[in-house]
Amino acid sequence: MGWFSKSTDGFFLSTTTPPGIDLKQYLGVVNGEAIIGANIFRDMFSSVRDVVGGRAGGYERALAGARDAALEELIDAAKEMGANGVIGIDFDYEVMGETNGMMMVAVSGTAVKLG
């Protein structure tokens, strides 16, 4: 159905055309960003014990934290515009320079008023 998440504060959807939702007004583009610092990458890759079942648990937790921080920033921006929902949510991940080991998580969407 394209649902990203539903909270008590509003609706946050990955789809741009919410089925069965009364879309009242488009308010504009909102975004949020978070950057993971160089030490996280160095610490995670220097420790083999952090890899469980072929997955780097510490790395995944760091990315999840950055993703949550970026999403929280997006939600705050939407609320400031008077929105009670965000549609078309999209996450992007970007390495910030090859030598500094930083990664940016960016999220964007369209703030809307839903009926």
PDB file of N, CA and C in Angstrom:
ATOM      1  N   MET A   1       0.809  -1.190   0.000  1.00  0.00           N
ATOM      2  CA  MET A   1       0.000   0.000   0.000  1.00  0.00           C
ATOM      3  C   MET A   1       0.858   1.262   0.000  1.00  0.00           C
ATOM      4  N   GLY A   2       2.162   1.122   0.171  1.00  0.00           N
ATOM      5  CA  GLY A   2       3.033   2.279   0.096  1.00  0.00           C
ATOM      6  C   GLY A   2       3.202   3.037   1.398  1.00  0.00           C
ATOM      7  N   TRP A   3       2.738   2.513   2.519  1.00  0.00           N
ATOM      8  CA  TRP A   3       2.866   3.213   3.794  1.00  0.00           C
ATOM      9  C   TRP A   3       4.309   3.228   4.236  1.00  0.00           C
ATOM     10  N   PHE A   4       4.773   4.373   4.668  1.00  0.00           N
ATOM     11  CA  PHE A   4       6.106   4.452   5.272  1.00  0.00           C
ATOM     12  C   PHE A   4       5.954   4.262   6.764  1.00  0.00           C
ATOM     13  N   SER A   5       5.134   5.053   7.381  1.00  0.00           N
ATOM     14  CA  SER A   5       4.831   4.874   8.796  1.00  0.00           C
ATOM     15  C   SER A   5       3.614   5.700   9.142  1.00  0.00           C
ATOM     16  N   LYS A   6       3.003   5.367  10.242  1.00  0.00           N
ATOM     17  CA  LYS A   6       1.849   6.125  10.723  1.00  0.00           C
ATOM     18  C   LYS A   6       2.110   6.422  12.194  1.00  0.00           C
ATOM     19  N   SER A   7       1.999   7.667  12.565  1.00  0.00           N
ATOM     20  CA  SER A   7       2.190   8.029  13.962  1.00  0.00           C
ATOM     21  C   SER A   7       0.977   8.808  14.436  1.00  0.00           C
ATOM     22  N   THR A   8       0.930   9.078  15.728  1.00  0.00           N
ATOM     23  CA  THR A   8      -0.185   9.844  16.269  1.00  0.00           C
ATOM     24  C   THR A   8      -0.134  11.299  15.821  1.00  0.00           C
ATOM     25  N   ASP A   9       1.023  11.752  15.351  1.00  0.00           N
ATOM     26  CA  ASP A   9       1.174  13.137  14.917  1.00  0.00           C
ATOM     27  C   ASP A   9       0.825  13.353  13.450  1.00  0.00           C
ATOM     28  N   GLY A  10       0.692  12.308  12.665  1.00  0.00           N
ATOM     29  CA  GLY A  10       0.407  12.473  11.248  1.00  0.00           C
ATOM     30  C   GLY A  10       0.762  11.236  10.460  1.00  0.00           C
ATOM     31  N   PHE A  11       0.678  11.358   9.156  1.00  0.00           N
ATOM     32  CA  PHE A  11       0.996  10.261   8.258  1.00  0.00           C
ATOM     33  C   PHE A  11       2.270  10.586   7.506  1.00  0.00           C
ATOM     34  N   PHE A  12       3.113   9.578   7.323  1.00  0.00           N
ATOM     35  CA  PHE A  12       4.368   9.733   6.604  1.00  0.00           C
ATOM     36  C   PHE A  12       4.452   8.582   5.619  1.00  0.00           C
ATOM     37  N   LEU A  13       4.372   8.919   4.318  1.00  0.00           N
ATOM     38  CA  LEU A  13       4.205   7.920   3.274  1.00  0.00           C
ATOM     39  C   LEU A  13       5.340   7.956   2.269  1.00  0.00           C
ATOM     40  N   SER A  14       5.691   6.782   1.758  1.00  0.00           N
ATOM     41  CA  SER A  14       6.690   6.715   0.696  1.00  0.00           C
ATOM     42  C   SER A  14       6.053   6.903  -0.676  1.00  0.00           C
ATOM     43  N   THR A  15       4.745   6.828  -0.752  1.00  0.00           N
ATOM     44  CA  THR A  15       4.051   7.000  -2.022  1.00  0.00           C
ATOM     45  C   THR A  15       3.680   8.470  -2.227  1.00  0.00           C
ATOM     46  N   THR A  16       3.547   8.881  -3.475  1.00  0.00           N
ATOM     47  CA  THR A  16       3.151  10.263  -3.760  1.00  0.00           C
ATOM     48  C   THR A  16       1.652  10.407  -3.954  1.00  0.00           C
ATOM     49  N   THR A  17       0.957   9.296  -4.099  1.00  0.00           N
ATOM     50  CA  THR A  17      -0.494   9.323  -4.272  1.00  0.00           C
ATOM     51  C   THR A  17      -1.120   8.414  -3.224  1.00  0.00           C
ATOM     52  N   PRO A  18      -1.405   8.947  -2.048  1.00  0.00           N
ATOM     53  CA  PRO A  18      -1.932   8.112  -0.969  1.00  0.00           C
ATOM     54  C   PRO A  18      -3.341   7.617  -1.265  1.00  0.00           C
ATOM     55  N   PRO A  19      -3.523   6.299  -1.347  1.00  0.00           N
ATOM     56  CA  PRO A  19      -4.844   5.743  -1.639  1.00  0.00           C
ATOM     57  C   PRO A  19      -5.787   5.909  -0.449  1.00  0.00           C
ATOM     58  N   GLY A  20      -6.967   6.414  -0.722  1.00  0.00           N
ATOM     59  CA  GLY A  20      -7.980   6.537   0.318  1.00  0.00           C
ATOM     60  C   GLY A  20      -7.717   7.632   1.335  1.00  0.00           C
ATOM     61  N   ILE A  21      -6.765   8.503   1.074  1.00  0.00           N
ATOM     62  CA  ILE A  21      -6.449   9.598   1.985  1.00  0.00           C
ATOM     63  C   ILE A  21      -6.925  10.902   1.344  1.00  0.00           C
ATOM     64  N   ASP A  22      -7.611  11.731   2.125  1.00  0.00           N
ATOM     65  CA  ASP A  22      -8.119  13.010   1.637  1.00  0.00           C
ATOM     66  C   ASP A  22      -7.006  14.055   1.712  1.00  0.00           C
ATOM     67  N   LEU A  23      -6.371  14.316   0.576  1.00  0.00           N
ATOM     68  CA  LEU A  23      -5.271  15.279   0.503  1.00  0.00           C
ATOM     69  C   LEU A  23      -5.855  16.677   0.304  1.00  0.00           C
ATOM     70  N   LYS A  24      -5.687  17.551   1.301  1.00  0.00           N
ATOM     71  CA  LYS A  24      -6.276  18.895   1.261  1.00  0.00           C
ATOM     72  C   LYS A  24      -5.370  19.935   0.607  1.00  0.00           C
ATOM     73  N   GLN A  25      -4.047  19.870   0.914  1.00  0.00           N
ATOM     74  CA  GLN A  25      -3.166  20.939   0.432  1.00  0.00           C
ATOM     75  C   GLN A  25      -1.712  20.474   0.415  1.00  0.00           C
ATOM     76  N   TYR A  26      -1.008  20.831  -0.661  1.00  0.00           N
ATOM     77  CA  TYR A  26       0.444  20.646  -0.737  1.00  0.00           C
ATOM     78  C   TYR A  26       1.093  21.884  -0.126  1.00  0.00           C
ATOM     79  N   LEU A  27       2.036  21.686   0.794  1.00  0.00           N
ATOM     80  CA  LEU A  27       2.662  22.817   1.472  1.00  0.00           C
ATOM     81  C   LEU A  27       4.084  23.093   1.007  1.00  0.00           C
ATOM     82  N   GLY A  28       4.737  22.109   0.419  1.00  0.00           N
ATOM     83  CA  GLY A  28       6.092  22.322  -0.078  1.00  0.00           C
ATOM     84  C   GLY A  28       7.035  21.190   0.285  1.00  0.00           C
ATOM     85  N   VAL A  29       8.226  21.278  -0.266  1.00  0.00           N
ATOM     86  CA  VAL A  29       9.257  20.262  -0.052  1.00  0.00           C
ATOM     87  C   VAL A  29       9.888  20.462   1.321  1.00  0.00           C
ATOM     88  N   VAL A  30      10.109  19.358   2.018  1.00  0.00           N
ATOM     89  CA  VAL A  30      10.816  19.370   3.297  1.00  0.00           C
ATOM     90  C   VAL A  30      11.953  18.367   3.218  1.00  0.00           C
ATOM     91  N   ASN A  31      12.983  18.594   4.027  1.00  0.00           N
ATOM     92  CA  ASN A  31      14.105  17.658   4.016  1.00  0.00           C
ATOM     93  C   ASN A  31      14.769  17.612   5.380  1.00  0.00           C
ATOM     94  N   GLY A  32      15.619  16.628   5.532  1.00  0.00           N
ATOM     95  CA  GLY A  32      16.415  16.475   6.740  1.00  0.00           C
ATOM     96  C   GLY A  32      17.709  15.774   6.382  1.00  0.00           C
ATOM     97  N   GLU A  33      18.767  16.105   7.096  1.00  0.00           N
ATOM     98  CA  GLU A  33      20.068  15.490   6.837  1.00  0.00           C
ATOM     99  C   GLU A  33      20.735  15.128   8.157  1.00  0.00           C
ATOM    100  N   ALA A  34      21.568  14.107   8.095  1.00  0.00           N
ATOM    101  CA  ALA A  34      22.414  13.729   9.229  1.00  0.00           C
ATOM    102  C   ALA A  34      23.711  13.180   8.660  1.00  0.00           C
ATOM    103  N   ILE A  35      24.814  13.469   9.338  1.00  0.00           N
ATOM    104  CA  ILE A  35      26.124  13.009   8.874  1.00  0.00           C
ATOM    105  C   ILE A  35      26.758  12.131   9.935  1.00  0.00           C
ATOM    106  N   ILE A  36      27.255  10.974   9.503  1.00  0.00           N
ATOM    107  CA  ILE A  36      27.989  10.056  10.370  1.00  0.00           C
ATOM    108  C   ILE A  36      29.458  10.409  10.232  1.00  0.00           C
ATOM    109  N   GLY A  37      30.137  10.603  11.363  1.00  0.00           N
ATOM    110  CA  GLY A  37      31.536  11.017  11.353  1.00  0.00           C
ATOM    111  C   GLY A  37      32.509   9.911  11.019  1.00  0.00           C
ATOM    112  N   ALA A  38      33.750  10.301  10.771  1.00  0.00           N
ATOM    113  CA  ALA A  38      34.813   9.392  10.341  1.00  0.00           C
ATOM    114  C   ALA A  38      35.123   8.322  11.374  1.00  0.00           C
ATOM    115  N   ASN A  39      35.065   8.635  12.649  1.00  0.00           N
ATOM    116  CA  ASN A  39      35.437   7.665  13.676  1.00  0.00           C
ATOM    117  C   ASN A  39      34.535   6.444  13.687  1.00  0.00           C
ATOM    118  N   ILE A  40      33.287   6.611  13.336  1.00  0.00           N
ATOM    119  CA  ILE A  40      32.368   5.479  13.309  1.00  0.00           C
ATOM    120  C   ILE A  40      32.844   4.439  12.318  1.00  0.00           C
ATOM    121  N   PHE A  41      33.222   4.872  11.115  1.00  0.00           N
ATOM    122  CA  PHE A  41      33.695   3.935  10.101  1.00  0.00           C
ATOM    123  C   PHE A  41      34.979   3.245  10.547  1.00  0.00           C
ATOM    124  N   ARG A  42      35.931   4.005  11.064  1.00  0.00           N
ATOM    125  CA  ARG A  42      37.211   3.446  11.484  1.00  0.00           C
ATOM    126  C   ARG A  42      37.007   2.426  12.600  1.00  0.00           C
ATOM    127  N   ASP A  43      36.209   2.761  13.590  1.00  0.00           N
ATOM    128  CA  ASP A  43      35.960   1.869  14.718  1.00  0.00           C
ATOM    129  C   ASP A  43      35.272   0.583  14.283  1.00  0.00           C
ATOM    130  N   MET A  44      34.321   0.699  13.371  1.00  0.00           N
ATOM    131  CA  MET A  44      33.574  -0.486  12.973  1.00  0.00           C
ATOM    132  C   MET A  44      34.402  -1.443  12.136  1.00  0.00           C
ATOM    133  N   PHE A  45      35.187  -0.913  11.220  1.00  0.00           N
ATOM    134  CA  PHE A  45      35.943  -1.792  10.341  1.00  0.00           C
ATOM    135  C   PHE A  45      37.204  -2.335  10.996  1.00  0.00           C
ATOM    136  N   SER A  46      37.646  -1.759  12.101  1.00  0.00           N
ATOM    137  CA  SER A  46      38.826  -2.274  12.785  1.00  0.00           C
ATOM    138  C   SER A  46      38.476  -3.418  13.719  1.00  0.00           C
ATOM    139  N   SER A  47      37.216  -3.660  13.956  1.00  0.00           N
ATOM    140  CA  SER A  47      36.794  -4.696  14.894  1.00  0.00           C
ATOM    141  C   SER A  47      36.036  -5.800  14.180  1.00  0.00           C
ATOM    142  N   VAL A  48      36.689  -6.948  14.049  1.00  0.00           N
ATOM    143  CA  VAL A  48      36.060  -8.091  13.379  1.00  0.00           C
ATOM    144  C   VAL A  48      34.916  -8.632  14.217  1.00  0.00           C
ATOM    145  N   ARG A  49      35.004  -8.536  15.523  1.00  0.00           N
ATOM    146  CA  ARG A  49      33.965  -9.101  16.378  1.00  0.00           C
ATOM    147  C   ARG A  49      32.632  -8.383  16.229  1.00  0.00           C
ATOM    148  N   ASP A  50      32.651  -7.188  15.634  1.00  0.00           N
ATOM    149  CA  ASP A  50      31.419  -6.442  15.434  1.00  0.00           C
ATOM    150  C   ASP A  50      30.590  -7.011  14.288  1.00  0.00           C
ATOM    151  N   VAL A  51      31.184  -7.881  13.497  1.00  0.00           N
ATOM    152  CA  VAL A  51      30.479  -8.467  12.363  1.00  0.00           C
ATOM    153  C   VAL A  51      29.801  -9.745  12.831  1.00  0.00           C
ATOM    154  N   VAL A  52      28.471  -9.759  12.767  1.00  0.00           N
ATOM    155  CA  VAL A  52      27.691 -10.905  13.221  1.00  0.00           C
ATOM    156  C   VAL A  52      26.889 -11.427  12.039  1.00  0.00           C
ATOM    157  N   GLY A  53      27.089 -12.698  11.704  1.00  0.00           N
ATOM    158  CA  GLY A  53      26.333 -13.280  10.601  1.00  0.00           C
ATOM    159  C   GLY A  53      26.578 -12.590   9.276  1.00  0.00           C
ATOM    160  N   GLY A  54      27.780 -12.080   9.056  1.00  0.00           N
ATOM    161  CA  GLY A  54      28.108 -11.417   7.800  1.00  0.00           C
ATOM    162  C   GLY A  54      27.640  -9.980   7.728  1.00  0.00           C
ATOM    163  N   ARG A  55      27.068  -9.462   8.804  1.00  0.00           N
ATOM    164  CA  ARG A  55      26.573  -8.085   8.814  1.00  0.00           C
ATOM    165  C   ARG A  55      27.305  -7.297   9.891  1.00  0.00           C
ATOM    166  N   ALA A  56      27.600  -6.056   9.599  1.00  0.00           N
ATOM    167  CA  ALA A  56      28.287  -5.187  10.558  1.00  0.00           C
ATOM    168  C   ALA A  56      27.241  -4.499  11.429  1.00  0.00           C
ATOM    169  N   GLY A  57      27.005  -5.061  12.609  1.00  0.00           N
ATOM    170  CA  GLY A  57      25.957  -4.563  13.497  1.00  0.00           C
ATOM    171  C   GLY A  57      26.150  -3.114  13.912  1.00  0.00           C
ATOM    172  N   GLY A  58      27.374  -2.727  14.262  1.00  0.00           N
ATOM    173  CA  GLY A  58      27.633  -1.350  14.675  1.00  0.00           C
ATOM    174  C   GLY A  58      27.393  -0.365  13.549  1.00  0.00           C
ATOM    175  N   TYR A  59      27.799  -0.740  12.355  1.00  0.00           N
ATOM    176  CA  TYR A  59      27.602   0.104  11.177  1.00  0.00           C
ATOM    177  C   TYR A  59      26.114   0.285  10.905  1.00  0.00           C
ATOM    178  N   GLU A  60      25.360  -0.827  10.987  1.00  0.00           N
ATOM    179  CA  GLU A  60      23.920  -0.755  10.745  1.00  0.00           C
ATOM    180  C   GLU A  60      23.228   0.115  11.791  1.00  0.00           C
ATOM    181  N   ARG A  61      23.650   0.000  13.044  1.00  0.00           N
ATOM    182  CA  ARG A  61      23.060   0.831  14.101  1.00  0.00           C
ATOM    183  C   ARG A  61      23.378   2.313  13.873  1.00  0.00           C
ATOM    184  N   ALA A  62      24.599   2.603  13.450  1.00  0.00           N
ATOM    185  CA  ALA A  62      24.981   3.992  13.178  1.00  0.00           C
ATOM    186  C   ALA A  62      24.164   4.565  12.020  1.00  0.00           C
ATOM    187  N   LEU A  63      23.984   3.780  10.970  1.00  0.00           N
ATOM    188  CA  LEU A  63      23.175   4.239   9.835  1.00  0.00           C
ATOM    189  C   LEU A  63      21.720   4.434  10.243  1.00  0.00           C
ATOM    190  N   ALA A  64      21.196   3.505  11.050  1.00  0.00           N
ATOM    191  CA  ALA A  64      19.811   3.627  11.514  1.00  0.00           C
ATOM    192  C   ALA A  64      19.644   4.889  12.357  1.00  0.00           C
ATOM    193  N   GLY A  65      20.623   5.180  13.204  1.00  0.00           N
ATOM    194  CA  GLY A  65      20.563   6.396  14.012  1.00  0.00           C
ATOM    195  C   GLY A  65      20.586   7.650  13.157  1.00  0.00           C
ATOM    196  N   ALA A  66      21.432   7.655  12.133  1.00  0.00           N
ATOM    197  CA  ALA A  66      21.501   8.798  11.223  1.00  0.00           C
ATOM    198  C   ALA A  66      20.203   8.936  10.435  1.00  0.00           C
ATOM    199  N   ARG A  67      19.651   7.815  10.003  1.00  0.00           N
ATOM    200  CA  ARG A  67      18.384   7.837   9.265  1.00  0.00           C
ATOM    201  C   ARG A  67      17.264   8.391  10.154  1.00  0.00           C
ATOM    202  N   ASP A  68      17.213   7.949  11.416  1.00  0.00           N
ATOM    203  CA  ASP A  68      16.191   8.444  12.342  1.00  0.00           C
ATOM    204  C   ASP A  68      16.348   9.944  12.596  1.00  0.00           C
ATOM    205  N   ALA A  69      17.592  10.403  12.738  1.00  0.00           N
ATOM    206  CA  ALA A  69      17.843  11.831  12.974  1.00  0.00           C
ATOM    207  C   ALA A  69      17.409  12.669  11.773  1.00  0.00           C
ATOM    208  N   ALA A  70      17.707  12.186  10.564  1.00  0.00           N
ATOM    209  CA  ALA A  70      17.307  12.903   9.351  1.00  0.00           C
ATOM    210  C   ALA A  70      15.784  12.945   9.234  1.00  0.00           C
ATOM    211  N   LEU A  71      15.128  11.825   9.538  1.00  0.00           N
ATOM    212  CA  LEU A  71      13.671  11.766   9.465  1.00  0.00           C
ATOM    213  C   LEU A  71      13.038  12.693  10.502  1.00  0.00           C
ATOM    214  N   GLU A  72      13.603  12.733  11.697  1.00  0.00           N
ATOM    215  CA  GLU A  72      13.096  13.630  12.740  1.00  0.00           C
ATOM    216  C   GLU A  72      13.194  15.090  12.292  1.00  0.00           C
ATOM    217  N   GLU A  73      14.289  15.438  11.627  1.00  0.00           N
ATOM    218  CA  GLU A  73      14.461  16.799  11.103  1.00  0.00           C
ATOM    219  C   GLU A  73      13.406  17.101  10.039  1.00  0.00           C
ATOM    220  N   LEU A  74      13.123  16.133   9.165  1.00  0.00           N
ATOM    221  CA  LEU A  74      12.099  16.295   8.137  1.00  0.00           C
ATOM    222  C   LEU A  74      10.732  16.506   8.778  1.00  0.00           C
ATOM    223  N   ILE A  75      10.400  15.701   9.783  1.00  0.00           N
ATOM    224  CA  ILE A  75       9.105  15.807  10.458  1.00  0.00           C
ATOM    225  C   ILE A  75       8.966  17.165  11.137  1.00  0.00           C
ATOM    226  N   ASP A  76      10.023  17.618  11.807  1.00  0.00           N
ATOM    227  CA  ASP A  76       9.986  18.934  12.454  1.00  0.00           C
ATOM    228  C   ASP A  76       9.749  20.043  11.433  1.00  0.00           C
ATOM    229  N   ALA A  77      10.410  19.957  10.280  1.00  0.00           N
ATOM    230  CA  ALA A  77      10.229  20.966   9.227  1.00  0.00           C
ATOM    231  C   ALA A  77       8.792  20.954   8.712  1.00  0.00           C
ATOM    232  N   ALA A  78       8.220  19.756   8.553  1.00  0.00           N
ATOM    233  CA  ALA A  78       6.838  19.641   8.078  1.00  0.00           C
ATOM    234  C   ALA A  78       5.863  20.239   9.093  1.00  0.00           C
ATOM    235  N   LYS A  79       6.079  19.955  10.365  1.00  0.00           N
ATOM    236  CA  LYS A  79       5.200  20.499  11.407  1.00  0.00           C
ATOM    237  C   LYS A  79       5.277  22.019  11.455  1.00  0.00           C
ATOM    238  N   GLU A  80       6.471  22.574  11.245  1.00  0.00           N
ATOM    239  CA  GLU A  80       6.627  24.036  11.227  1.00  0.00           C
ATOM    240  C   GLU A  80       5.813  24.673  10.104  1.00  0.00           C
ATOM    241  N   MET A  81       5.577  23.925   9.027  1.00  0.00           N
ATOM    242  CA  MET A  81       4.786  24.427   7.901  1.00  0.00           C
ATOM    243  C   MET A  81       3.290  24.218   8.128  1.00  0.00           C
ATOM    244  N   GLY A  82       2.923  23.547   9.229  1.00  0.00           N
ATOM    245  CA  GLY A  82       1.522  23.269   9.506  1.00  0.00           C
ATOM    246  C   GLY A  82       1.033  21.971   8.899  1.00  0.00           C
ATOM    247  N   ALA A  83       1.940  21.117   8.474  1.00  0.00           N
ATOM    248  CA  ALA A  83       1.573  19.845   7.841  1.00  0.00           C
ATOM    249  C   ALA A  83       1.176  18.808   8.891  1.00  0.00           C
ATOM    250  N   ASN A  84       0.329  17.885   8.477  1.00  0.00           N
ATOM    251  CA  ASN A  84       0.036  16.725   9.309  1.00  0.00           C
ATOM    252  C   ASN A  84       0.385  15.437   8.566  1.00  0.00           C
ATOM    253  N   GLY A  85       1.201  15.589   7.524  1.00  0.00           N
ATOM    254  CA  GLY A  85       1.674  14.436   6.778  1.00  0.00           C
ATOM    255  C   GLY A  85       2.787  14.817   5.817  1.00  0.00           C
ATOM    256  N   VAL A  86       3.527  13.805   5.394  1.00  0.00           N
ATOM    257  CA  VAL A  86       4.569  13.977   4.379  1.00  0.00           C
ATOM    258  C   VAL A  86       4.417  12.825   3.400  1.00  0.00           C
ATOM    259  N   ILE A  87       4.368  13.144   2.117  1.00  0.00           N
ATOM    260  CA  ILE A  87       4.261  12.110   1.089  1.00  0.00           C
ATOM    261  C   ILE A  87       5.517  12.123   0.222  1.00  0.00           C
ATOM    262  N   GLY A  88       5.728  11.036  -0.504  1.00  0.00           N
ATOM    263  CA  GLY A  88       6.867  10.938  -1.414  1.00  0.00           C
ATOM    264  C   GLY A  88       8.205  10.909  -0.703  1.00  0.00           C
ATOM    265  N   ILE A  89       8.251  10.328   0.486  1.00  0.00           N
ATOM    266  CA  ILE A  89       9.495  10.292   1.259  1.00  0.00           C
ATOM    267  C   ILE A  89      10.535   9.443   0.536  1.00  0.00           C
ATOM    268  N   ASP A  90      11.756   9.996   0.441  1.00  0.00           N
ATOM    269  CA  ASP A  90      12.862   9.304  -0.228  1.00  0.00           C
ATOM    270  C   ASP A  90      14.145   9.527   0.560  1.00  0.00           C
ATOM    271  N   PHE A  91      14.880   8.440   0.806  1.00  0.00           N
ATOM    272  CA  PHE A  91      16.165   8.514   1.499  1.00  0.00           C
ATOM    273  C   PHE A  91      17.301   8.392   0.499  1.00  0.00           C
ATOM    274  N   ASP A  92      18.361   9.169   0.709  1.00  0.00           N
ATOM    275  CA  ASP A  92      19.586   9.079  -0.089  1.00  0.00           C
ATOM    276  C   ASP A  92      20.766   8.970   0.860  1.00  0.00           C
ATOM    277  N   TYR A  93      21.763   8.189   0.444  1.00  0.00           N
ATOM    278  CA  TYR A  93      22.987   8.005   1.226  1.00  0.00           C
ATOM    279  C   TYR A  93      24.156   8.438   0.354  1.00  0.00           C
ATOM    280  N   GLU A  94      25.041   9.276   0.897  1.00  0.00           N
ATOM    281  CA  GLU A  94      26.144   9.821   0.110  1.00  0.00           C
ATOM    282  C   GLU A  94      27.425   9.806   0.930  1.00  0.00           C
ATOM    283  N   VAL A  95      28.494   9.233   0.358  1.00  0.00           N
ATOM    284  CA  VAL A  95      29.805   9.286   0.996  1.00  0.00           C
ATOM    285  C   VAL A  95      30.362  10.679   0.776  1.00  0.00           C
ATOM    286  N   MET A  96      30.818  11.304   1.845  1.00  0.00           N
ATOM    287  CA  MET A  96      31.314  12.683   1.793  1.00  0.00           C
ATOM    288  C   MET A  96      32.834  12.666   1.717  1.00  0.00           C
ATOM    289  N   GLY A  97      33.384  12.483   0.544  1.00  0.00           N
ATOM    290  CA  GLY A  97      34.839  12.436   0.371  1.00  0.00           C
ATOM    291  C   GLY A  97      35.370  11.040   0.620  1.00  0.00           C
ATOM    292  N   GLU A  98      36.317  10.632  -0.177  1.00  0.00           N
ATOM    293  CA  GLU A  98      36.846   9.270  -0.079  1.00  0.00           C
ATOM    294  C   GLU A  98      37.791   9.090   1.097  1.00  0.00           C
ATOM    295  N   THR A  99      38.429  10.153   1.558  1.00  0.00           N
ATOM    296  CA  THR A  99      39.442  10.009   2.603  1.00  0.00           C
ATOM    297  C   THR A  99      38.936  10.314   4.004  1.00  0.00           C
ATOM    298  N   ASN A 100      37.862  11.081   4.146  1.00  0.00           N
ATOM    299  CA  ASN A 100      37.430  11.451   5.492  1.00  0.00           C
ATOM    300  C   ASN A 100      36.428  10.484   6.110  1.00  0.00           C
ATOM    301  N   GLY A 101      35.901   9.542   5.350  1.00  0.00           N
ATOM    302  CA  GLY A 101      35.032   8.508   5.895  1.00  0.00           C
ATOM    303  C   GLY A 101      33.716   8.991   6.463  1.00  0.00           C
ATOM    304  N   MET A 102      33.200  10.090   5.969  1.00  0.00           N
ATOM    305  CA  MET A 102      31.917  10.584   6.456  1.00  0.00           C
ATOM    306  C   MET A 102      30.815  10.184   5.487  1.00  0.00           C
ATOM    307  N   MET A 103      29.629   9.937   6.037  1.00  0.00           N
ATOM    308  CA  MET A 103      28.488   9.595   5.204  1.00  0.00           C
ATOM    309  C   MET A 103      27.311  10.474   5.594  1.00  0.00           C
ATOM    310  N   MET A 104      26.609  10.976   4.571  1.00  0.00           N
ATOM    311  CA  MET A 104      25.423  11.783   4.803  1.00  0.00           C
ATOM    312  C   MET A 104      24.185  10.965   4.468  1.00  0.00           C
ATOM    313  N   VAL A 105      23.200  11.044   5.344  1.00  0.00           N
ATOM    314  CA  VAL A 105      21.886  10.474   5.092  1.00  0.00           C
ATOM    315  C   VAL A 105      20.950  11.658   4.905  1.00  0.00           C
ATOM    316  N   ALA A 106      20.296  11.717   3.756  1.00  0.00           N
ATOM    317  CA  ALA A 106      19.365  12.806   3.461  1.00  0.00           C
ATOM    318  C   ALA A 106      17.996  12.214   3.164  1.00  0.00           C
ATOM    319  N   VAL A 107      16.964  12.879   3.633  1.00  0.00           N
ATOM    320  CA  VAL A 107      15.593  12.445   3.372  1.00  0.00           C
ATOM    321  C   VAL A 107      14.806  13.663   2.906  1.00  0.00           C
ATOM    322  N   SER A 108      13.927  13.451   1.937  1.00  0.00           N
ATOM    323  CA  SER A 108      13.097  14.547   1.444  1.00  0.00           C
ATOM    324  C   SER A 108      11.692  14.032   1.177  1.00  0.00           C
ATOM    325  N   GLY A 109      10.757  14.946   1.109  1.00  0.00           N
ATOM    326  CA  GLY A 109       9.373  14.600   0.830  1.00  0.00           C
ATOM    327  C   GLY A 109       8.570  15.874   0.651  1.00  0.00           C
ATOM    328  N   THR A 110       7.274  15.726   0.452  1.00  0.00           N
ATOM    329  CA  THR A 110       6.377  16.861   0.288  1.00  0.00           C
ATOM    330  C   THR A 110       5.458  16.953   1.497  1.00  0.00           C
ATOM    331  N   ALA A 111       5.514  18.087   2.195  1.00  0.00           N
ATOM    332  CA  ALA A 111       4.640  18.327   3.340  1.00  0.00           C
ATOM    333  C   ALA A 111       3.231  18.601   2.827  1.00  0.00           C
ATOM    334  N   VAL A 112       2.242  17.981   3.472  1.00  0.00           N
ATOM    335  CA  VAL A 112       0.853  18.124   3.041  1.00  0.00           C
ATOM    336  C   VAL A 112      -0.071  18.259   4.250  1.00  0.00           C
ATOM    337  N   LYS A 113      -1.264  18.790   3.965  1.00  0.00           N
ATOM    338  CA  LYS A 113      -2.357  18.760   4.937  1.00  0.00           C
ATOM    339  C   LYS A 113      -3.324  17.691   4.462  1.00  0.00           C
ATOM    340  N   LEU A 114      -3.598  16.763   5.348  1.00  0.00           N
ATOM    341  CA  LEU A 114      -4.515  15.679   5.044  1.00  0.00           C
ATOM    342  C   LEU A 114      -5.823  15.903   5.785  1.00  0.00           C
ATOM    343  N   GLY A 115      -6.937  15.492   5.140  1.00  0.00           N
ATOM    344  CA  GLY A 115      -8.249  15.661   5.756  1.00  0.00           C
ATOM    345  C   GLY A 115      -8.637  14.518   6.641  1.00  0.00           C
TER     346      GLY A 115
END
